[in-house]
Each structure stands twice: as C-alpha cells, then as structure tokens.
Amino acid sequence: MSLPSKLTDFTLAEARNAVSGKKVSSIELTKAFSKAVADAKPLNAFVTETPEKALEMAAASDARIAKGEARPLEGLPLAIKDLFCTKGVKTTAGSNILNNFIPPYESTVTQNLWDAGAVMLGKTNMDEFAMGSSNETSFYKPVLSPWRAKNSNAALVPGGSSGGSASAVAANLCLGATGTDTGGSIRQPAAVTGTVGLKPTYGRCSRWGTVAFASSLDQAGPMTRTVRDAAILLRHMASVDPKDSTSVDMPVPDYEATLENGVKGLRVGIPKEYRIDGAPPEIDALWQKGADWLKALGAEIVEVSLPHTKYALPAYYIVAPAEASSNLARYDGVRYGHRTKEAIRDITDLYEKSRAEGFGAEVRRRILIGTYVLSAGYYDAYYSRAQKIRTLILRDFEQAWEKCDVLLTPATPGPAFAIGEKSNDPISMYLNDVFTVTVNLAGLPGLAVPAGLTADGLPLGLQIIGKAFDEATVLRAGRSIEIAANFTAKPQHWWAA
C-alpha cells in the first residue's frame, strides 16, 4: 500500500494495515499526530496532551509488532474524551470542580482500548459534565470547529458535548476518538463536523470509570472519519463488565465483517414526526436524498409513525437533570475535587461555596431543575410522568420495528452555528438534540454519517437508528449512505497557518 502524503491523513483502518504491515512504525505515526495536536492549539480540542505517554505506548507497540505479538489496534493513536477516567492522567469532565482530579484507576472502555494495543494522545475538551450541545460550557473555554462557512471567518461550534473529540477527528489530530452520548452528544457533533459518530445500544459499552451525567441514558461510543473505523473501534470498546450492572452479557460481533453486505431487501422507515416546522429546506432535501440513495441500492422505503416523539425533548430535560442532580451530589469539596479557599462558617457553607465555584452556569441550571422535579410535591407531576412518556417512546419504536429494520432521519436540525450565537438561549440550544434524544430514551443504537454540505459549505449528517444490539445492521446501512454520499469535503487548515 502507498502511504499518504501526511501520516495524519490515514483512516484508522489504513493506519492499522500500514502499522501491522510494517510500512510505518507506531512511533512515526504517534509523533506525526502529537505534532498535529501541538500545532492545533487554536482549536482548543484537547484539555490534556500526553505526548510522552503516547511515545512510551507506541514504543511498546513497535516492540510487540517486531515479536509478532500485535493486537488488533496495535500502535494506533486515539484521543479520549475527558469524561473517561485514565489512571495517572488528569480527568476533569470539563469542570473546575474536577480541575485537580487524577484518577487512581482506568475506565473499562479505555482499558479495553489499551488492551487492544491503542495509544493515547491525550484527553479532549468537552461541555462541562457533558451538559451542552456546543462545547461552550467547558471550564477550559470553547472548542472551535475546524470548519468555516464560505466567505466567513466566524468561529463555529463543533457541537457537544463531545466537541473536542469531534474537532480532533475532523482536523486529523487523531485516528479516532471516544465520545459519550446522553442525548445526542456523539451524533450531533459528528454531524456538524463531517465525521462519523456511533451511539451504541445502552449496555453495549461499560459505564464504569466514566464520569456520570444521567446514568440511565449515558453510553460510550466511537467518533471516527469513516463508518469502517467506527465498526473497528466499537468492537474493542464494547464488553460486558462485572463492575457495571447495566452492561449486557452478549457477544460482541465483528462489525467490520458484515459492513459491505449492502442494504438490498432492508426495510428503511421514515418517521413522519421527524418533519419539523422551521427546519432548513436543506435538511429535508438531504433526508429525501438519503432515502433515494438507499432505495436505489435495493432497500424498501416505508413511512412509519412515532407518535410520542413530540414529548421526547421535554421528557429528556426532566429525566436527565433529575439523574444529574443525584449523580453530582458527590462533588462536595470534601473528598476530592475543588474546595473553596474562602472563609467558611460550617460544613454547609463549605458545600455551598465549593459547589458554586466549581460548577458552571449550565450545570447549576440542570442541578436546580433536577432537584426541583424530584422534590416532594413535584415528583409525580414531572419525573414520574416523564418516565411514563419514556415507556411510550420505546413502545413506538417497538411497533415501528414490525414494519422496518432501521430508521433514517436527519441527525441535526441544522449545521454548526457561530460561537456565542445560542449560548444565552438555553431552549434554542436544547432544540439541537430534537432528532437524537428519542434514541437515548429508548436505549437504541444510532449512527450519524456525513451526507452533504449546506450552500455555505458546512457539513450535514443523516442518522440511522436501529434495533437494540443490532449495531451491525446500523453500520451496514450507514456504510451504504457513506458510499452513496461520497462525502470528501475537508475543512481548510486555518488553525495551522
């Protein structure tokens, strides 16, 4: 195989073949990516860079390859969202309250990747505690998208909460990255940065060692340049885990093996409720184009109904903050994390001052909402009703599966917007997840695939939703979209000028 002009232009699959075939060493590859990360400071995609650790891991990989003991991801440099605990490497969750936290343990997902031979380039920036759709709530300042609209120098958001990972993948700063998805935080940033993002079925990847936002919704997944790369990474991220009672003891298939099987005979559902008022015409046009592509490849297109979709966003913004208020109660300034240096009167004063200083505005907002909906007198009116809606949303999907095998929808209601454009309007920001939250509420797999550009040259994505634990079919359908769309656009390297 011929090497690309820059080693950072490799896809993960190409790099795997080059490293295992000894065309390039892991050290050479890792040095190239570490330099790209160091040169991309204006993007602010990384919170913590680990070039020395990466070279150490790369040298160990090269030694294993020389001995003929290569593992599946041997020597491949990845970026890790700063929500995954990494032993001995600072893990902040994008928050001041964890500004000094160095975990003494490794998350299961990252341990799985290291056991498969992967190399860690560093930890990527993110919305604080994964609460946000634009990466503007991070204590470490916003991440910038590597994309710019035509004839504009306006800085754009990379989506969120996994915006640092999305930006790093889109800018060729890593071969792939981990993300987490609570209401769209893998798929939405992937869609607006022209990358691939897969939210697996709830329980497919262990949540142990991943800083919790909303425990019944959170799920780790891969963010990559291609659908094949997502299939490769998911296979090695996923596992049952005795430390996480919600991880599922099911075999993890070789997703890559069935990737090219096409969609002939596959029934693809088009949910009518996903046609929303006010969506840009480009979104509807791309959606129709996606359906036409799949039909031309032999799929059957059927209209389905998901009648409770309109309640998904309000239900999500009750359930998620409720769980967040409970999960974030542990950050009290006593055991670890930020502790106020102000004078205090008593333990309550310590809690109040430490948490007020440690949490940003969006996190405080969601803790307040969550505490309110769980409080006596409001639990039944809000939280209990939201959980009932969640059950009805899952039932909608189960009925849809009687008519189809996967669903095709838009991934986002529009392209990336400018930094600061929506940050003072929480409701407008929350609407970015309108096409993604149903998947989390139902615990299903969803894949965002880049499928086109706006008139301003910004990426738009399509979403494939599948049955529980049927990521193989979701990836196969996504691969067919990827082939038909032939999305080859790349951002201009303005940050490296």
Protein backbone atom coordinates (compact mmCIF):
# COMPACT_ATOMS: atom_id res chain seq x y z
CA MET A 1 0.00 0.00 0.00
CA SER A 2 1.16 3.55 -0.71
CA LEU A 3 1.49 5.94 2.21
CA PRO A 4 -0.48 9.21 2.19
CA SER A 5 1.43 12.47 1.80
CA LYS A 6 0.87 13.09 5.51
CA LEU A 7 0.69 10.25 8.04
CA THR A 8 -2.17 12.11 9.74
CA ASP A 9 -4.29 11.60 6.60
CA PHE A 10 -4.62 7.88 7.31
CA THR A 11 -8.00 6.49 8.28
CA LEU A 12 -7.86 4.15 11.27
CA ALA A 13 -8.29 1.10 9.03
CA GLU A 14 -5.50 2.27 6.71
CA ALA A 15 -3.18 3.01 9.63
CA ARG A 16 -3.92 -0.42 11.14
CA ASN A 17 -2.87 -2.10 7.90
CA ALA A 18 0.22 0.11 7.49
CA VAL A 19 1.44 -0.44 11.07
CA SER A 20 0.75 -4.17 11.15
CA GLY A 21 2.35 -4.49 7.70
CA LYS A 22 5.44 -2.61 8.99
CA LYS A 23 5.07 0.12 6.33
CA VAL A 24 5.18 2.69 9.12
CA SER A 25 6.05 2.39 12.81
CA SER A 26 3.76 3.32 15.65
CA ILE A 27 6.43 5.77 16.85
CA GLU A 28 6.43 7.57 13.46
CA LEU A 29 2.65 7.68 13.42
CA THR A 30 2.40 8.86 17.04
CA LYS A 31 5.00 11.60 16.52
CA ALA A 32 3.06 12.87 13.49
CA PHE A 33 -0.21 13.03 15.44
CA SER A 34 1.39 14.52 18.56
CA LYS A 35 2.84 17.29 16.38
CA ALA A 36 -0.58 17.86 14.75
CA VAL A 37 -2.15 18.16 18.21
CA ALA A 38 0.55 20.60 19.36
CA ASP A 39 0.10 22.69 16.19
CA ALA A 40 -3.68 22.87 16.60
CA LYS A 41 -3.82 24.87 19.84
CA PRO A 42 -6.27 27.43 18.33
CA LEU A 43 -8.93 24.69 18.12
CA ASN A 44 -8.68 24.06 21.90
CA ALA A 45 -9.72 20.45 21.23
CA PHE A 46 -7.53 18.97 23.98
CA VAL A 47 -7.61 19.67 27.71
CA THR A 48 -4.58 17.48 28.42
CA GLU A 49 -1.94 16.37 25.91
CA THR A 50 0.11 13.26 26.73
CA PRO A 51 2.89 13.11 24.10
CA GLU A 52 5.42 11.37 26.40
CA LYS A 53 2.93 8.69 27.43
CA ALA A 54 1.92 8.27 23.78
CA LEU A 55 5.54 7.67 22.70
CA GLU A 56 6.05 5.20 25.52
CA MET A 57 2.92 3.27 24.44
CA ALA A 58 4.00 3.48 20.77
CA ALA A 59 7.46 2.06 21.56
CA ALA A 60 5.83 -0.84 23.42
CA SER A 61 3.58 -1.43 20.40
CA ASP A 62 6.50 -1.45 17.97
CA ALA A 63 8.26 -4.00 20.21
CA ARG A 64 5.20 -6.25 20.18
CA ILE A 65 4.89 -5.97 16.38
CA ALA A 66 8.58 -6.89 16.00
CA LYS A 67 7.94 -10.03 18.07
CA GLY A 68 4.85 -10.95 16.03
CA GLU A 69 2.53 -10.30 19.01
CA ALA A 70 0.47 -7.45 17.56
CA ARG A 71 -3.02 -6.90 18.96
CA PRO A 72 -5.99 -5.61 16.88
CA LEU A 73 -5.38 -1.86 17.48
CA GLU A 74 -1.62 -2.13 17.98
CA GLY A 75 0.11 1.23 17.85
CA LEU A 76 -2.89 3.31 16.72
CA PRO A 77 -3.11 6.82 18.28
CA LEU A 78 -6.52 7.79 19.69
CA ALA A 79 -7.97 10.76 21.59
CA ILE A 80 -10.05 10.19 24.73
CA LYS A 81 -12.95 12.40 25.82
CA ASP A 82 -12.13 13.86 29.23
CA LEU A 83 -15.10 12.07 30.77
CA PHE A 84 -13.26 8.72 30.83
CA CYS A 85 -11.07 8.17 33.88
CA THR A 86 -7.47 7.50 32.85
CA LYS A 87 -5.13 6.17 35.51
CA GLY A 88 -2.49 8.74 36.42
CA VAL A 89 -3.75 11.25 33.84
CA LYS A 90 -5.91 14.21 34.87
CA THR A 91 -9.63 13.75 34.23
CA THR A 92 -11.74 16.90 34.57
CA ALA A 93 -15.11 16.29 32.86
CA GLY A 94 -14.64 19.85 31.57
CA SER A 95 -15.31 21.22 35.07
CA ASN A 96 -13.47 23.36 37.60
CA ILE A 97 -14.74 21.09 40.35
CA LEU A 98 -12.51 18.27 39.00
CA ASN A 99 -9.66 20.56 37.97
CA ASN A 100 -7.07 18.60 40.04
CA PHE A 101 -8.52 15.09 39.82
CA ILE A 102 -6.03 12.37 38.83
CA PRO A 103 -7.82 9.00 38.88
CA PRO A 104 -6.06 6.03 40.51
CA TYR A 105 -7.96 3.69 38.13
CA GLU A 106 -8.80 3.26 34.44
CA SER A 107 -12.28 3.26 32.90
CA THR A 108 -13.32 -0.08 31.41
CA VAL A 109 -13.75 1.36 27.89
CA THR A 110 -10.25 2.90 27.81
CA GLN A 111 -8.72 -0.21 29.41
CA ASN A 112 -10.30 -2.28 26.63
CA LEU A 113 -8.67 0.02 24.05
CA TRP A 114 -5.24 -0.16 25.71
CA ASP A 115 -5.58 -3.95 25.96
CA ALA A 116 -6.19 -3.97 22.19
CA GLY A 117 -2.94 -2.02 21.67
CA ALA A 118 -4.18 1.56 21.15
CA VAL A 119 -2.07 4.63 22.04
CA MET A 120 -3.39 7.66 23.97
CA LEU A 121 -2.62 11.12 22.54
CA GLY A 122 -4.48 12.99 25.29
CA LYS A 123 -7.85 13.99 26.71
CA THR A 124 -10.32 16.02 24.65
CA ASN A 125 -12.24 19.09 25.75
CA MET A 126 -15.99 18.81 26.32
CA ASP A 127 -19.06 20.56 27.69
CA GLU A 128 -18.94 20.56 31.48
CA PHE A 129 -20.14 17.16 32.76
CA ALA A 130 -21.36 16.53 29.18
CA MET A 131 -24.10 19.14 29.59
CA GLY A 132 -24.29 21.11 26.37
CA SER A 133 -24.69 20.95 22.60
CA SER A 134 -21.91 23.31 21.53
CA ASN A 135 -18.86 22.75 23.76
CA GLU A 136 -19.28 26.28 25.12
CA THR A 137 -19.95 25.23 28.73
CA SER A 138 -16.43 23.84 29.28
CA PHE A 139 -14.45 25.41 32.12
CA TYR A 140 -11.49 25.22 29.71
CA LYS A 141 -13.09 27.56 27.14
CA PRO A 142 -14.95 26.54 23.97
CA VAL A 143 -13.60 24.18 21.35
CA LEU A 144 -13.64 25.62 17.83
CA SER A 145 -14.77 23.64 14.82
CA PRO A 146 -12.10 23.20 12.15
CA TRP A 147 -14.80 24.18 9.63
CA ARG A 148 -15.59 27.71 8.47
CA ALA A 149 -18.52 28.80 6.32
CA LYS A 150 -17.73 30.06 2.81
CA ASN A 151 -16.58 33.68 2.75
CA SER A 152 -16.65 33.89 6.54
CA ASN A 153 -14.08 33.87 9.32
CA ALA A 154 -16.70 33.43 12.07
CA ALA A 155 -15.67 30.78 14.60
CA LEU A 156 -18.16 27.89 14.66
CA VAL A 157 -19.08 25.42 17.40
CA PRO A 158 -18.09 21.76 16.91
CA GLY A 159 -21.30 20.54 18.58
CA GLY A 160 -21.38 18.97 22.00
CA SER A 161 -20.84 17.59 24.44
CA SER A 162 -18.14 15.54 22.64
CA GLY A 163 -16.99 18.63 20.72
CA GLY A 164 -13.29 18.19 21.45
CA SER A 165 -13.35 14.64 20.11
CA ALA A 166 -15.33 15.72 17.02
CA SER A 167 -12.98 18.62 16.31
CA ALA A 168 -9.91 16.39 16.79
CA VAL A 169 -11.22 13.75 14.39
CA ALA A 170 -12.33 16.32 11.78
CA ALA A 171 -8.97 18.12 11.92
CA ASN A 172 -6.96 14.87 11.57
CA LEU A 173 -5.46 15.20 15.06
CA CYS A 174 -6.11 11.51 15.83
CA LEU A 175 -7.21 8.32 14.07
CA GLY A 176 -10.39 8.19 16.14
CA ALA A 177 -11.75 9.26 19.50
CA THR A 178 -14.07 8.16 22.25
CA GLY A 179 -17.23 10.09 22.96
CA THR A 180 -20.26 9.72 25.20
CA ASP A 181 -23.87 10.21 24.19
CA THR A 182 -26.60 11.07 26.72
CA GLY A 183 -29.00 12.86 24.38
CA GLY A 184 -27.02 13.15 21.14
CA SER A 185 -23.54 14.11 22.35
CA ILE A 186 -21.76 11.81 19.89
CA ARG A 187 -24.08 12.07 16.89
CA GLN A 188 -24.77 15.82 16.92
CA PRO A 189 -21.09 16.93 17.00
CA ALA A 190 -20.21 14.26 14.42
CA ALA A 191 -22.93 15.55 12.08
CA VAL A 192 -21.83 19.20 12.25
CA THR A 193 -18.11 18.39 11.80
CA GLY A 194 -18.45 15.99 8.86
CA THR A 195 -17.39 12.92 10.88
CA VAL A 196 -18.97 9.60 11.86
CA GLY A 197 -20.42 9.13 15.36
CA LEU A 198 -21.97 5.96 16.77
CA LYS A 199 -24.08 5.82 19.93
CA PRO A 200 -24.33 2.09 20.74
CA THR A 201 -27.23 0.35 22.45
CA TYR A 202 -27.46 1.17 26.17
CA GLY A 203 -25.42 -1.52 27.94
CA ARG A 204 -23.18 -2.37 24.97
CA CYS A 205 -20.22 -0.46 26.48
CA SER A 206 -19.46 -0.37 30.20
CA ARG A 207 -20.06 2.91 32.02
CA TRP A 208 -17.61 2.02 34.80
CA GLY A 209 -14.98 4.71 35.22
CA THR A 210 -16.88 7.18 33.03
CA VAL A 211 -17.95 10.30 34.94
CA ALA A 212 -21.74 10.06 35.19
CA PHE A 213 -24.21 12.62 33.87
CA ALA A 214 -27.51 10.70 33.58
CA SER A 215 -26.89 7.04 34.36
CA SER A 216 -29.89 5.56 32.52
CA LEU A 217 -29.02 7.47 29.32
CA ASP A 218 -25.20 7.71 29.13
CA GLN A 219 -23.42 5.47 26.62
CA ALA A 220 -19.86 5.50 25.29
CA GLY A 221 -19.17 5.21 21.58
CA PRO A 222 -16.63 5.85 18.82
CA MET A 223 -16.10 9.02 16.77
CA THR A 224 -14.18 8.42 13.54
CA ARG A 225 -13.60 9.54 9.98
CA THR A 226 -15.34 6.55 8.36
CA VAL A 227 -18.04 4.02 9.16
CA ARG A 228 -15.46 1.23 8.91
CA ASP A 229 -13.33 2.92 11.56
CA ALA A 230 -16.40 3.17 13.85
CA ALA A 231 -17.05 -0.56 13.37
CA ILE A 232 -13.43 -1.36 14.26
CA LEU A 233 -13.38 0.83 17.39
CA LEU A 234 -16.77 -0.29 18.73
CA ARG A 235 -15.71 -3.92 18.63
CA HIS A 236 -12.87 -3.13 21.04
CA MET A 237 -14.71 -0.60 23.24
CA ALA A 238 -17.67 -2.91 23.91
CA SER A 239 -17.68 -5.60 26.60
CA VAL A 240 -19.66 -6.97 29.49
CA ASP A 241 -18.30 -5.68 32.79
CA PRO A 242 -18.95 -7.12 36.28
CA LYS A 243 -18.28 -3.59 37.64
CA ASP A 244 -21.27 -2.19 35.68
CA SER A 245 -24.55 -3.98 36.33
CA THR A 246 -26.13 -2.27 33.30
CA SER A 247 -23.58 -3.66 30.83
CA VAL A 248 -25.06 -6.56 28.87
CA ASP A 249 -23.56 -10.04 28.60
CA MET A 250 -23.93 -10.52 24.85
CA PRO A 251 -21.28 -11.48 22.29
CA VAL A 252 -19.67 -8.50 20.54
CA PRO A 253 -19.78 -9.23 16.80
CA ASP A 254 -17.08 -8.46 14.27
CA TYR A 255 -18.92 -5.42 12.90
CA GLU A 256 -16.38 -4.91 10.15
CA ALA A 257 -17.04 -8.38 8.68
CA THR A 258 -20.62 -7.56 7.58
CA LEU A 259 -20.03 -3.91 6.69
CA GLU A 260 -20.11 -4.35 2.92
CA ASN A 261 -23.24 -6.55 2.81
CA GLY A 262 -25.33 -3.65 1.49
CA VAL A 263 -28.99 -2.82 2.10
CA LYS A 264 -30.73 -4.94 -0.53
CA GLY A 265 -34.02 -6.14 0.97
CA LEU A 266 -33.61 -3.95 4.08
CA ARG A 267 -36.76 -2.09 5.15
CA VAL A 268 -35.93 1.54 5.96
CA GLY A 269 -38.51 3.50 7.96
CA ILE A 270 -39.07 7.24 7.52
CA PRO A 271 -40.74 8.57 10.70
CA LYS A 272 -43.22 11.28 9.70
CA GLU A 273 -42.95 13.02 13.10
CA TYR A 274 -39.33 13.99 12.34
CA ARG A 275 -40.55 16.54 9.78
CA ILE A 276 -40.48 19.62 11.98
CA ASP A 277 -41.64 23.17 11.31
CA GLY A 278 -38.87 25.68 10.77
CA ALA A 279 -36.18 23.16 9.75
CA PRO A 280 -33.99 24.48 6.92
CA PRO A 281 -35.09 23.17 3.49
CA GLU A 282 -31.57 21.72 3.10
CA ILE A 283 -32.29 19.25 5.92
CA ASP A 284 -35.45 17.91 4.27
CA ALA A 285 -33.74 17.78 0.87
CA LEU A 286 -30.81 15.78 2.27
CA TRP A 287 -33.18 13.43 4.09
CA GLN A 288 -35.05 12.74 0.84
CA LYS A 289 -31.76 12.23 -0.97
CA GLY A 290 -30.72 9.69 1.68
CA ALA A 291 -33.95 7.75 1.20
CA ASP A 292 -33.43 7.83 -2.59
CA TRP A 293 -29.86 6.52 -2.22
CA LEU A 294 -30.97 3.59 -0.08
CA LYS A 295 -33.86 2.81 -2.42
CA ALA A 296 -31.51 2.80 -5.40
CA LEU A 297 -29.30 0.32 -3.51
CA GLY A 298 -32.21 -2.08 -3.07
CA ALA A 299 -33.77 -1.04 0.24
CA GLU A 300 -37.52 -0.72 0.69
CA ILE A 301 -38.61 2.70 1.97
CA VAL A 302 -41.66 2.71 4.28
CA GLU A 303 -43.31 5.53 6.22
CA VAL A 304 -43.71 4.85 9.95
CA SER A 305 -45.16 6.76 12.87
CA LEU A 306 -43.52 7.51 16.23
CA PRO A 307 -46.43 9.46 17.74
CA HIS A 308 -44.82 10.33 21.09
CA THR A 309 -41.76 11.96 19.51
CA LYS A 310 -43.11 15.44 20.29
CA TYR A 311 -42.84 14.69 24.02
CA ALA A 312 -39.26 13.37 23.83
CA LEU A 313 -37.38 16.64 24.36
CA PRO A 314 -39.39 17.77 27.42
CA ALA A 315 -39.24 14.23 28.90
CA TYR A 316 -35.47 14.13 28.36
CA TYR A 317 -34.98 17.53 30.01
CA ILE A 318 -36.75 16.20 33.09
CA VAL A 319 -35.14 12.74 33.32
CA ALA A 320 -31.56 13.83 32.52
CA PRO A 321 -31.37 16.77 35.01
CA ALA A 322 -33.03 14.61 37.69
CA GLU A 323 -30.34 11.97 37.35
CA ALA A 324 -27.64 14.64 37.09
CA SER A 325 -28.73 16.29 40.35
CA SER A 326 -28.35 12.93 42.07
CA ASN A 327 -25.03 12.00 40.41
CA LEU A 328 -23.43 15.39 41.01
CA ALA A 329 -24.29 15.45 44.71
CA ARG A 330 -20.98 13.65 45.37
CA TYR A 331 -18.96 16.73 44.35
CA ASP A 332 -18.90 18.48 47.70
CA GLY A 333 -15.36 19.81 48.17
CA VAL A 334 -14.62 17.27 50.89
CA ARG A 335 -13.24 14.05 49.41
CA TYR A 336 -11.72 15.24 46.12
CA GLY A 337 -12.05 17.99 43.56
CA HIS A 338 -12.30 21.72 44.05
CA ARG A 339 -12.60 23.10 47.59
CA THR A 340 -13.24 26.77 48.25
CA LYS A 341 -10.43 28.85 49.70
CA GLU A 342 -12.94 31.36 51.10
CA ALA A 343 -13.53 31.58 54.84
CA ILE A 344 -16.32 29.21 55.88
CA ARG A 345 -18.68 29.11 58.85
CA ASP A 346 -19.60 25.42 58.81
CA ILE A 347 -19.83 22.31 56.61
CA THR A 348 -22.94 23.61 54.78
CA ASP A 349 -21.09 26.80 53.91
CA LEU A 350 -18.19 24.68 52.60
CA TYR A 351 -20.55 22.72 50.35
CA GLU A 352 -22.31 25.83 49.06
CA LYS A 353 -19.16 27.80 48.27
CA SER A 354 -17.23 24.86 46.78
CA ARG A 355 -20.11 23.84 44.51
CA ALA A 356 -20.92 27.43 43.48
CA GLU A 357 -17.28 27.98 42.46
CA GLY A 358 -16.82 24.51 40.98
CA PHE A 359 -19.89 24.23 38.74
CA GLY A 360 -20.60 26.42 35.71
CA ALA A 361 -23.94 28.08 34.91
CA GLU A 362 -25.39 25.28 32.75
CA VAL A 363 -24.54 22.57 35.28
CA ARG A 364 -26.05 24.63 38.11
CA ARG A 365 -29.18 25.17 35.97
CA ARG A 366 -29.63 21.44 35.41
CA ILE A 367 -28.96 20.54 39.05
CA LEU A 368 -31.66 23.03 40.07
CA ILE A 369 -34.14 21.66 37.51
CA GLY A 370 -33.36 18.09 38.55
CA THR A 371 -33.67 18.76 42.26
CA TYR A 372 -36.98 20.56 41.64
CA VAL A 373 -38.57 17.73 39.63
CA LEU A 374 -37.51 15.15 42.22
CA SER A 375 -38.78 17.15 45.19
CA ALA A 376 -41.85 16.25 47.22
CA GLY A 377 -44.99 17.51 45.53
CA TYR A 378 -43.41 17.65 42.06
CA TYR A 379 -42.04 14.11 41.60
CA ASP A 380 -45.38 12.74 40.35
CA ALA A 381 -46.19 15.81 38.30
CA TYR A 382 -42.88 15.81 36.42
CA TYR A 383 -40.43 12.94 36.91
CA SER A 384 -42.96 10.13 37.13
CA ARG A 385 -44.82 11.40 34.03
CA ALA A 386 -41.56 11.77 32.09
CA GLN A 387 -40.72 8.13 32.82
CA LYS A 388 -44.15 7.09 31.52
CA ILE A 389 -43.50 9.06 28.31
CA ARG A 390 -40.19 7.24 28.03
CA THR A 391 -42.01 3.90 28.09
CA LEU A 392 -44.40 5.10 25.36
CA ILE A 393 -41.47 6.27 23.20
CA LEU A 394 -39.88 2.82 23.48
CA ARG A 395 -43.24 1.25 22.55
CA ASP A 396 -43.40 3.49 19.45
CA PHE A 397 -40.07 2.10 18.29
CA GLU A 398 -41.10 -1.49 19.01
CA GLN A 399 -44.21 -1.03 16.85
CA ALA A 400 -42.12 0.60 14.10
CA TRP A 401 -39.82 -2.45 14.02
CA GLU A 402 -42.78 -4.54 12.87
CA LYS A 403 -42.66 -2.53 9.61
CA CYS A 404 -38.95 -1.77 9.21
CA ASP A 405 -35.42 -2.85 10.13
CA VAL A 406 -33.81 0.59 10.58
CA LEU A 407 -34.96 4.21 10.57
CA LEU A 408 -33.49 7.05 8.53
CA THR A 409 -33.73 10.58 9.96
CA PRO A 410 -31.79 13.87 9.93
CA ALA A 411 -29.05 13.99 12.59
CA THR A 412 -29.43 17.69 13.49
CA PRO A 413 -31.90 20.50 12.73
CA GLY A 414 -29.16 22.50 11.00
CA PRO A 415 -25.41 22.97 10.50
CA ALA A 416 -22.89 24.30 13.02
CA PHE A 417 -23.69 27.77 14.36
CA ALA A 418 -21.38 30.56 15.48
CA ILE A 419 -19.75 30.64 18.91
CA GLY A 420 -21.98 32.71 21.19
CA GLU A 421 -24.99 32.62 18.85
CA LYS A 422 -27.18 30.46 21.12
CA SER A 423 -25.33 30.40 24.43
CA ASN A 424 -27.74 32.87 26.05
CA ASP A 425 -30.80 30.94 24.90
CA PRO A 426 -30.92 27.53 26.63
CA ILE A 427 -34.17 26.46 24.93
CA SER A 428 -32.76 27.12 21.45
CA MET A 429 -29.64 25.17 22.47
CA TYR A 430 -31.69 22.23 23.76
CA LEU A 431 -33.51 22.02 20.39
CA ASN A 432 -30.25 20.89 18.78
CA ASP A 433 -30.98 17.44 20.21
CA VAL A 434 -34.51 17.17 18.79
CA PHE A 435 -33.59 14.29 16.43
CA THR A 436 -31.33 12.42 18.83
CA VAL A 437 -32.88 12.27 22.33
CA THR A 438 -35.52 9.65 21.44
CA VAL A 439 -32.72 7.15 20.78
CA ASN A 440 -31.30 7.61 24.29
CA LEU A 441 -34.71 7.49 25.96
CA ALA A 442 -35.33 4.13 24.22
CA GLY A 443 -31.76 2.84 24.71
CA LEU A 444 -31.27 2.15 20.98
CA PRO A 445 -28.21 2.44 18.69
CA GLY A 446 -27.88 5.49 16.43
CA LEU A 447 -25.28 6.44 13.84
CA ALA A 448 -24.55 9.86 12.32
CA VAL A 449 -22.95 9.78 8.87
CA PRO A 450 -21.78 12.85 6.89
CA ALA A 451 -24.01 13.13 3.83
CA GLY A 452 -23.77 16.61 2.33
CA LEU A 453 -22.92 20.29 2.61
CA THR A 454 -25.04 23.41 3.04
CA ALA A 455 -24.87 26.19 0.46
CA ASP A 456 -22.29 27.76 2.81
CA GLY A 457 -20.12 24.64 2.62
CA LEU A 458 -20.86 23.31 6.12
CA PRO A 459 -21.40 19.59 6.84
CA LEU A 460 -24.81 17.99 7.38
CA GLY A 461 -25.38 14.43 8.57
CA LEU A 462 -28.02 11.72 8.34
CA GLN A 463 -28.90 9.40 11.20
CA ILE A 464 -29.56 5.65 11.11
CA ILE A 465 -31.46 4.27 14.12
CA GLY A 466 -31.61 0.52 14.73
CA LYS A 467 -32.99 -2.19 16.95
CA ALA A 468 -31.35 -2.86 20.31
CA PHE A 469 -27.96 -4.58 19.90
CA ASP A 470 -28.26 -4.54 16.12
CA GLU A 471 -25.34 -2.18 15.56
CA ALA A 472 -24.20 -4.45 12.72
CA THR A 473 -27.25 -3.52 10.58
CA VAL A 474 -26.99 0.15 11.57
CA LEU A 475 -23.35 0.23 10.47
CA ARG A 476 -24.16 -1.62 7.24
CA ALA A 477 -26.87 0.93 6.37
CA GLY A 478 -24.52 3.75 7.37
CA ARG A 479 -21.83 2.36 5.10
CA SER A 480 -24.29 2.37 2.19
CA ILE A 481 -25.12 6.04 2.88
CA GLU A 482 -21.39 6.79 3.09
CA ILE A 483 -20.73 5.18 -0.30
CA ALA A 484 -23.68 6.95 -1.96
CA ALA A 485 -22.93 10.37 -0.41
CA ASN A 486 -19.22 10.13 -1.25
CA PHE A 487 -18.54 12.91 1.26
CA THR A 488 -14.96 14.02 0.59
CA ALA A 489 -15.07 17.65 1.79
CA LYS A 490 -12.39 18.62 4.31
CA PRO A 491 -12.01 21.73 6.46
CA GLN A 492 -9.29 24.20 5.49
CA HIS A 493 -6.34 24.15 7.90
CA TRP A 494 -6.83 27.77 9.04
CA TRP A 495 -5.67 26.93 12.59
CA ALA A 496 -2.22 25.80 11.43
CA ALA A 497 -1.50 28.97 9.43
